[in-house]
Amino acid sequence: MARLYLVPLDLPTVPPLAISLRLRNQLVYFMSARDTPGLPELGEDDFWFDSAEVAKWVDEGVFYLVSPLDTDNMTEVELSEEQEALLAWLHAKKVQHVRLEER
């Protein structure tokens, strides 16, 4: 069975990070919008993580979600261990641009 990895494109010397399918589905919580000004062109399986946002989430241990049923309010969500490990890896390694690969 293939495993999922986040492969750094901006720092190719950093070893890839293995992630679960569950975390793969949660990357949208943390990635920058594809139409954010200043981002490089992103491939279908590419993700960009804003370093300032990543640092904030690592520091606070929470992130905020907007409910599609109540777009006026945000819900504070505590980071899971796996989410925290992802963000700590991005922050410590200074990775922003990754590609999701199966190996």
Protein backbone atom coordinates (compact mmCIF):
# COMPACT_ATOMS: atom_id res chain seq x y z
CA MET A 1 0.00 0.00 0.00
CA ALA A 2 1.38 3.39 -1.01
CA ARG A 3 2.08 6.01 1.64
CA LEU A 4 1.47 9.74 1.31
CA TYR A 5 4.35 12.19 1.64
CA LEU A 6 4.74 15.94 1.59
CA VAL A 7 7.84 16.65 -0.48
CA PRO A 8 9.39 20.11 -0.01
CA LEU A 9 9.81 21.89 -3.34
CA ASP A 10 11.36 25.06 -1.94
CA LEU A 11 13.90 23.15 0.19
CA PRO A 12 14.68 19.88 -1.63
CA THR A 13 17.32 18.89 0.95
CA VAL A 14 14.63 18.51 3.64
CA PRO A 15 13.39 14.90 3.85
CA PRO A 16 9.70 14.37 2.95
CA LEU A 17 7.12 14.07 5.71
CA ALA A 18 4.88 10.99 5.76
CA ILE A 19 1.24 11.87 6.43
CA SER A 20 -2.01 9.97 6.86
CA LEU A 21 -4.97 10.13 4.51
CA ARG A 22 -6.86 11.93 7.26
CA LEU A 23 -4.22 14.67 7.47
CA ARG A 24 -4.13 14.89 3.68
CA ASN A 25 -7.81 15.80 3.78
CA GLN A 26 -7.09 18.46 6.42
CA LEU A 27 -4.33 20.28 4.50
CA VAL A 28 -6.98 22.70 3.21
CA TYR A 29 -7.31 24.06 6.77
CA PHE A 30 -3.74 25.31 6.67
CA MET A 31 -2.82 25.97 3.03
CA SER A 32 -2.84 29.41 1.47
CA ALA A 33 -5.52 30.06 -1.13
CA ARG A 34 -4.22 29.26 -4.61
CA ASP A 35 -5.09 32.77 -5.82
CA THR A 36 -3.08 34.52 -3.08
CA PRO A 37 -0.94 37.25 -4.67
CA GLY A 38 2.77 36.47 -4.78
CA LEU A 39 2.50 32.69 -4.72
CA PRO A 40 4.28 30.66 -7.36
CA GLU A 41 2.13 28.70 -9.78
CA LEU A 42 0.94 25.61 -7.93
CA GLY A 43 0.40 22.23 -9.51
CA GLU A 44 -2.66 20.12 -8.77
CA ASP A 45 -0.93 18.32 -5.87
CA ASP A 46 1.06 21.35 -4.65
CA PHE A 47 0.34 23.27 -1.46
CA TRP A 48 1.68 26.55 -0.08
CA PHE A 49 1.76 27.31 3.64
CA ASP A 50 2.27 30.90 4.80
CA SER A 51 5.16 30.91 7.29
CA ALA A 52 3.62 33.63 9.48
CA GLU A 53 0.35 31.70 9.78
CA VAL A 54 2.20 28.46 10.50
CA ALA A 55 4.19 30.18 13.27
CA LYS A 56 0.97 31.55 14.78
CA TRP A 57 -0.72 28.12 14.79
CA VAL A 58 2.37 26.48 16.32
CA ASP A 59 2.51 29.17 19.01
CA GLU A 60 -1.22 29.17 19.82
CA GLY A 61 -1.94 25.45 19.40
CA VAL A 62 -5.25 26.24 17.71
CA PHE A 63 -6.66 27.27 14.34
CA TYR A 64 -9.99 28.75 13.32
CA LEU A 65 -12.64 27.27 11.05
CA VAL A 66 -15.51 29.07 9.38
CA SER A 67 -18.67 26.99 9.30
CA PRO A 68 -20.50 26.92 5.97
CA LEU A 69 -23.69 27.22 8.03
CA ASP A 70 -22.54 30.30 9.96
CA THR A 71 -20.02 32.31 7.94
CA ASP A 72 -20.20 35.23 10.39
CA ASN A 73 -18.54 33.26 13.20
CA MET A 74 -15.38 31.22 13.51
CA THR A 75 -14.80 28.21 15.71
CA GLU A 76 -11.53 27.75 17.55
CA VAL A 77 -10.21 24.21 17.03
CA GLU A 78 -7.37 22.69 19.05
CA LEU A 79 -4.65 21.13 16.92
CA SER A 80 -4.53 17.34 16.85
CA GLU A 81 -1.17 15.67 17.47
CA GLU A 82 -0.80 14.97 13.75
CA GLN A 83 -1.70 18.54 12.76
CA GLU A 84 0.72 19.85 15.35
CA ALA A 85 3.49 17.59 13.99
CA LEU A 86 2.85 18.86 10.44
CA LEU A 87 2.95 22.50 11.48
CA ALA A 88 6.04 21.95 13.66
CA TRP A 89 7.79 20.31 10.68
CA LEU A 90 6.85 23.20 8.36
CA HIS A 91 7.96 25.76 10.94
CA ALA A 92 11.21 24.09 12.04
CA LYS A 93 12.34 23.27 8.50
CA LYS A 94 11.08 26.61 7.08
CA VAL A 95 9.14 24.76 4.37
CA GLN A 96 6.36 26.58 2.54
CA HIS A 97 5.91 24.86 -0.85
CA VAL A 98 5.21 21.12 -0.88
CA ARG A 99 3.94 18.51 -3.30
CA LEU A 100 1.82 15.58 -2.18
CA GLU A 101 3.20 12.30 -3.51
CA GLU A 102 2.35 8.63 -3.11
CA ARG A 103 5.29 6.27 -2.69
